[in-house]
Amino acid sequence: MAASMTENEAIDRLQRRLKWEAPGPLTDLSNQVTASGFSLLRALAQWVRDLAEEKPLISLLIAFEAGFAVARLGRRRAKH
């Protein structure tokens, strides 16, 4: 009887460990982070569209500055 109790306890412990280490919770968390990131990008894109309609020259200047900053950052990180 004692041997079956320890076997059952070991099985329960291993099942809890399997549930804890399974990718299920990480997958859910990853999906939530991805969804919120896309939501943020969608809101940013809508803000840029609205700004472009209201003030096209300022939007062009901001786009130029952002492109210049990305190009400089890329050049710095490039391996020669």
Protein backbone atom coordinates (compact mmCIF):
# COMPACT_ATOMS: atom_id res chain seq x y z
CA MET A 1 0.00 0.00 0.00
CA ALA A 2 2.83 2.39 0.84
CA ALA A 3 4.54 1.67 -2.45
CA SER A 4 1.42 2.56 -4.43
CA MET A 5 1.05 5.83 -2.50
CA THR A 6 4.60 6.85 -3.34
CA GLU A 7 4.03 5.86 -6.96
CA ASN A 8 0.84 7.92 -7.08
CA GLU A 9 2.61 10.86 -5.46
CA ALA A 10 5.44 10.55 -7.98
CA ILE A 11 2.95 10.43 -10.86
CA ASP A 12 1.09 13.48 -9.50
CA ARG A 13 4.36 15.35 -9.05
CA LEU A 14 5.46 14.52 -12.60
CA GLN A 15 2.07 15.57 -14.02
CA ARG A 16 2.28 18.92 -12.21
CA ARG A 17 5.81 19.41 -13.49
CA LEU A 18 4.72 18.53 -17.04
CA LYS A 19 1.86 21.04 -16.87
CA TRP A 20 4.20 23.71 -15.53
CA GLU A 21 6.91 23.14 -18.14
CA ALA A 22 4.55 22.64 -21.07
CA PRO A 23 4.61 25.40 -23.71
CA GLY A 24 0.89 26.15 -23.18
CA PRO A 25 1.24 29.13 -20.81
CA LEU A 26 4.17 30.50 -22.79
CA THR A 27 2.22 30.22 -26.02
CA ASP A 28 -0.72 32.11 -24.51
CA LEU A 29 1.58 34.82 -23.19
CA SER A 30 3.37 35.06 -26.53
CA ASN A 31 0.06 35.39 -28.38
CA GLN A 32 -1.10 38.16 -26.02
CA VAL A 33 2.16 40.10 -26.40
CA THR A 34 2.04 39.73 -30.19
CA ALA A 35 -1.59 40.87 -30.32
CA SER A 36 -0.89 43.93 -28.19
CA GLY A 37 2.19 44.75 -30.27
CA PHE A 38 0.17 44.60 -33.49
CA SER A 39 -2.53 46.72 -31.86
CA LEU A 40 0.08 49.33 -30.95
CA LEU A 41 1.50 49.29 -34.48
CA ARG A 42 -2.00 49.62 -35.94
CA ALA A 43 -2.70 52.63 -33.70
CA LEU A 44 0.63 54.19 -34.68
CA ALA A 45 -0.12 53.69 -38.38
CA GLN A 46 -3.55 55.29 -37.95
CA TRP A 47 -1.96 58.25 -36.14
CA VAL A 48 0.52 58.69 -39.00
CA ARG A 49 -2.34 58.56 -41.55
CA ASP A 50 -4.32 61.17 -39.64
CA LEU A 51 -1.28 63.40 -39.28
CA ALA A 52 -0.49 63.02 -42.99
CA GLU A 53 -3.96 64.21 -43.91
CA GLU A 54 -3.86 67.19 -41.55
CA LYS A 55 -0.23 68.28 -41.98
CA PRO A 56 1.41 66.61 -44.99
CA LEU A 57 4.67 68.59 -44.94
CA ILE A 58 5.33 67.88 -41.27
CA SER A 59 4.57 64.19 -41.89
CA LEU A 60 7.06 64.16 -44.75
CA LEU A 61 9.71 65.76 -42.54
CA ILE A 62 9.10 63.25 -39.74
CA ALA A 63 9.27 60.34 -42.21
CA PHE A 64 12.54 61.67 -43.61
CA GLU A 65 14.04 62.06 -40.14
CA ALA A 66 12.91 58.56 -39.11
CA GLY A 67 14.40 57.06 -42.28
CA PHE A 68 17.64 58.92 -41.73
CA ALA A 69 17.83 57.70 -38.11
CA VAL A 70 17.21 54.08 -39.16
CA ALA A 71 19.83 54.34 -41.89
CA ARG A 72 22.41 55.70 -39.46
CA LEU A 73 21.62 53.02 -36.92
CA GLY A 74 21.95 50.33 -39.58
CA ARG A 75 25.29 51.64 -40.74
CA ARG A 76 26.62 51.67 -37.18
CA ARG A 77 25.66 48.07 -36.55
CA ALA A 78 26.88 46.76 -39.91
CA LYS A 79 30.03 44.67 -39.74
CA HIS A 80 32.84 45.77 -42.01
